[in-house]
């Protein structure tokens, strides 16, 4: 019953930045954590970053130091600030919300890093 609305994807040059946002609405369950997965065709989906309601964060090794996840608990929204983007960051990024077990997913937003 939760709808996740994503924004911020697009085309950017290597070394550039993008900010992804995801807003959860219509929830009747508390959200324990929200975060982002990404997937490239033919490759396994990768957990990029996650943040709990209490503010604990975790990052994939490939993005640590370049990406920052943040959240606004009042609005059940998260943002992913992506800096120093590399071509290998190109993927479809999916927002998720973990309701202490059940998980909802966004529709995905495409990020392309290319010169």
C-alpha atoms as a PDB file:
ATOM      1  CA  UNK A   1       0.000   0.000   0.000  1.00  0.00           C
ATOM      2  CA  UNK A   2       3.046   2.262  -0.037  1.00  0.00           C
ATOM      3  CA  UNK A   3       3.860   4.231  -3.153  1.00  0.00           C
ATOM      4  CA  UNK A   4       7.472   5.227  -3.743  1.00  0.00           C
ATOM      5  CA  UNK A   5       8.074   8.147  -6.082  1.00  0.00           C
ATOM      6  CA  UNK A   6      11.591   8.659  -7.381  1.00  0.00           C
ATOM      7  CA  UNK A   7      13.192  11.597  -9.127  1.00  0.00           C
ATOM      8  CA  UNK A   8      16.595  12.943 -10.071  1.00  0.00           C
ATOM      9  CA  UNK A   9      17.955  10.420 -12.540  1.00  0.00           C
ATOM     10  CA  UNK A  10      19.409  11.403 -15.863  1.00  0.00           C
ATOM     11  CA  UNK A  11      22.517  11.744 -17.971  1.00  0.00           C
ATOM     12  CA  UNK A  12      25.693  13.151 -16.469  1.00  0.00           C
ATOM     13  CA  UNK A  13      29.356  13.310 -17.457  1.00  0.00           C
ATOM     14  CA  UNK A  14      32.030  11.406 -15.537  1.00  0.00           C
ATOM     15  CA  UNK A  15      33.024  13.344 -12.447  1.00  0.00           C
ATOM     16  CA  UNK A  16      29.645  15.013 -12.237  1.00  0.00           C
ATOM     17  CA  UNK A  17      26.937  14.783  -9.617  1.00  0.00           C
ATOM     18  CA  UNK A  18      23.312  13.781  -9.335  1.00  0.00           C
ATOM     19  CA  UNK A  19      20.861  13.754  -6.463  1.00  0.00           C
ATOM     20  CA  UNK A  20      18.177  11.087  -6.336  1.00  0.00           C
ATOM     21  CA  UNK A  21      15.083  11.495  -4.197  1.00  0.00           C
ATOM     22  CA  UNK A  22      12.467   8.985  -3.098  1.00  0.00           C
ATOM     23  CA  UNK A  23       9.263   9.801  -1.250  1.00  0.00           C
ATOM     24  CA  UNK A  24       7.014   7.218   0.379  1.00  0.00           C
ATOM     25  CA  UNK A  25       3.307   7.959   0.628  1.00  0.00           C
ATOM     26  CA  UNK A  26       0.199   6.125   1.742  1.00  0.00           C
ATOM     27  CA  UNK A  27       2.026   4.041   4.312  1.00  0.00           C
ATOM     28  CA  UNK A  28       0.115   2.344   7.106  1.00  0.00           C
ATOM     29  CA  UNK A  29       3.253   0.693   8.462  1.00  0.00           C
ATOM     30  CA  UNK A  30       6.269   2.176  10.158  1.00  0.00           C
ATOM     31  CA  UNK A  31       9.383   2.311   8.007  1.00  0.00           C
ATOM     32  CA  UNK A  32      12.458   0.739   9.513  1.00  0.00           C
ATOM     33  CA  UNK A  33      14.824   1.513   6.656  1.00  0.00           C
ATOM     34  CA  UNK A  34      14.931   2.963   3.182  1.00  0.00           C
ATOM     35  CA  UNK A  35      17.607   2.780   0.559  1.00  0.00           C
ATOM     36  CA  UNK A  36      18.695   2.213  -2.989  1.00  0.00           C
ATOM     37  CA  UNK A  37      19.545  -0.769  -5.142  1.00  0.00           C
ATOM     38  CA  UNK A  38      20.934  -0.556  -8.652  1.00  0.00           C
ATOM     39  CA  UNK A  39      20.944  -3.029 -11.501  1.00  0.00           C
ATOM     40  CA  UNK A  40      22.714  -3.342 -14.828  1.00  0.00           C
ATOM     41  CA  UNK A  41      21.328  -5.761 -17.440  1.00  0.00           C
ATOM     42  CA  UNK A  42      23.009  -9.136 -17.057  1.00  0.00           C
ATOM     43  CA  UNK A  43      24.373  -8.374 -13.605  1.00  0.00           C
ATOM     44  CA  UNK A  44      23.146  -9.062 -10.096  1.00  0.00           C
ATOM     45  CA  UNK A  45      21.241  -6.308  -8.356  1.00  0.00           C
ATOM     46  CA  UNK A  46      23.501  -4.428  -5.943  1.00  0.00           C
ATOM     47  CA  UNK A  47      22.590  -2.737  -2.688  1.00  0.00           C
ATOM     48  CA  UNK A  48      23.999   0.777  -2.994  1.00  0.00           C
ATOM     49  CA  UNK A  49      23.067   2.458   0.265  1.00  0.00           C
ATOM     50  CA  UNK A  50      20.653   2.097   3.137  1.00  0.00           C
ATOM     51  CA  UNK A  51      19.591   4.212   6.085  1.00  0.00           C
ATOM     52  CA  UNK A  52      17.514   3.250   9.102  1.00  0.00           C
ATOM     53  CA  UNK A  53      14.950   5.415  10.820  1.00  0.00           C
ATOM     54  CA  UNK A  54      17.536   6.011  13.527  1.00  0.00           C
ATOM     55  CA  UNK A  55      20.066   7.265  11.010  1.00  0.00           C
ATOM     56  CA  UNK A  56      22.402   4.302  10.692  1.00  0.00           C
ATOM     57  CA  UNK A  57      23.858   4.153   7.186  1.00  0.00           C
ATOM     58  CA  UNK A  58      25.615   1.550   5.107  1.00  0.00           C
ATOM     59  CA  UNK A  59      27.180   1.755   1.655  1.00  0.00           C
ATOM     60  CA  UNK A  60      28.436  -0.556  -1.017  1.00  0.00           C
ATOM     61  CA  UNK A  61      32.217  -0.602  -1.227  1.00  0.00           C
ATOM     62  CA  UNK A  62      32.039   0.698  -4.776  1.00  0.00           C
ATOM     63  CA  UNK A  63      30.315   3.943  -3.748  1.00  0.00           C
ATOM     64  CA  UNK A  64      31.633   4.572  -0.245  1.00  0.00           C
ATOM     65  CA  UNK A  65      33.167   8.032  -0.030  1.00  0.00           C
ATOM     66  CA  UNK A  66      31.356   9.263  -3.136  1.00  0.00           C
ATOM     67  CA  UNK A  67      27.668   8.761  -2.320  1.00  0.00           C
ATOM     68  CA  UNK A  68      25.775  10.042   0.698  1.00  0.00           C
ATOM     69  CA  UNK A  69      22.330   8.874   1.763  1.00  0.00           C
ATOM     70  CA  UNK A  70      20.098  11.009   3.955  1.00  0.00           C
ATOM     71  CA  UNK A  71      16.539  10.889   5.206  1.00  0.00           C
ATOM     72  CA  UNK A  72      13.648  12.970   6.468  1.00  0.00           C
ATOM     73  CA  UNK A  73      11.642  10.757   8.810  1.00  0.00           C
ATOM     74  CA  UNK A  74       8.784  13.240   9.010  1.00  0.00           C
ATOM     75  CA  UNK A  75       8.106  12.869   5.295  1.00  0.00           C
ATOM     76  CA  UNK A  76       9.426   9.320   4.880  1.00  0.00           C
ATOM     77  CA  UNK A  77      11.761  10.519   2.171  1.00  0.00           C
ATOM     78  CA  UNK A  78      15.364   9.772   1.353  1.00  0.00           C
ATOM     79  CA  UNK A  79      17.958  11.295  -0.920  1.00  0.00           C
ATOM     80  CA  UNK A  80      21.088   9.904  -2.499  1.00  0.00           C
ATOM     81  CA  UNK A  81      23.720  12.492  -3.289  1.00  0.00           C
ATOM     82  CA  UNK A  82      26.038  11.006  -5.894  1.00  0.00           C
ATOM     83  CA  UNK A  83      29.339  12.767  -6.477  1.00  0.00           C
ATOM     84  CA  UNK A  84      32.380  11.926  -8.592  1.00  0.00           C
ATOM     85  CA  UNK A  85      30.237   9.735 -10.791  1.00  0.00           C
ATOM     86  CA  UNK A  86      31.910   7.055 -12.887  1.00  0.00           C
ATOM     87  CA  UNK A  87      30.717   5.219 -16.000  1.00  0.00           C
ATOM     88  CA  UNK A  88      30.394   2.069 -13.895  1.00  0.00           C
ATOM     89  CA  UNK A  89      27.721   3.831 -11.831  1.00  0.00           C
ATOM     90  CA  UNK A  90      25.446   3.638 -14.860  1.00  0.00           C
ATOM     91  CA  UNK A  91      22.411   1.583 -13.867  1.00  0.00           C
ATOM     92  CA  UNK A  92      18.744   1.670 -13.053  1.00  0.00           C
ATOM     93  CA  UNK A  93      18.395   2.744  -9.438  1.00  0.00           C
ATOM     94  CA  UNK A  94      15.507   1.409  -7.353  1.00  0.00           C
ATOM     95  CA  UNK A  95      14.256   2.894  -4.113  1.00  0.00           C
ATOM     96  CA  UNK A  96      12.952   0.571  -1.419  1.00  0.00           C
ATOM     97  CA  UNK A  97      11.229   0.919   1.920  1.00  0.00           C
ATOM     98  CA  UNK A  98      11.491  -1.767   4.584  1.00  0.00           C
ATOM     99  CA  UNK A  99       8.505  -1.900   6.927  1.00  0.00           C
ATOM    100  CA  UNK A 100      10.178  -4.071   9.543  1.00  0.00           C
ATOM    101  CA  UNK A 101       9.915  -6.963   7.109  1.00  0.00           C
ATOM    102  CA  UNK A 102       7.649  -6.267   4.128  1.00  0.00           C
ATOM    103  CA  UNK A 103       9.394  -4.271   1.404  1.00  0.00           C
ATOM    104  CA  UNK A 104       7.999  -1.871  -1.179  1.00  0.00           C
ATOM    105  CA  UNK A 105       9.830  -0.828  -4.337  1.00  0.00           C
ATOM    106  CA  UNK A 106       9.908   2.189  -6.580  1.00  0.00           C
ATOM    107  CA  UNK A 107       9.634   2.004 -10.342  1.00  0.00           C
ATOM    108  CA  UNK A 108      13.327   2.676 -10.910  1.00  0.00           C
ATOM    109  CA  UNK A 109      15.126   5.678 -12.326  1.00  0.00           C
ATOM    110  CA  UNK A 110      17.914   5.494 -14.874  1.00  0.00           C
ATOM    111  CA  UNK A 111      21.328   7.004 -14.237  1.00  0.00           C
ATOM    112  CA  UNK A 112      23.711   7.215 -17.169  1.00  0.00           C
ATOM    113  CA  UNK A 113      27.285   8.408 -16.712  1.00  0.00           C
ATOM    114  CA  UNK A 114      28.924   9.019 -20.057  1.00  0.00           C
ATOM    115  CA  UNK A 115      31.006  11.583 -21.893  1.00  0.00           C
END
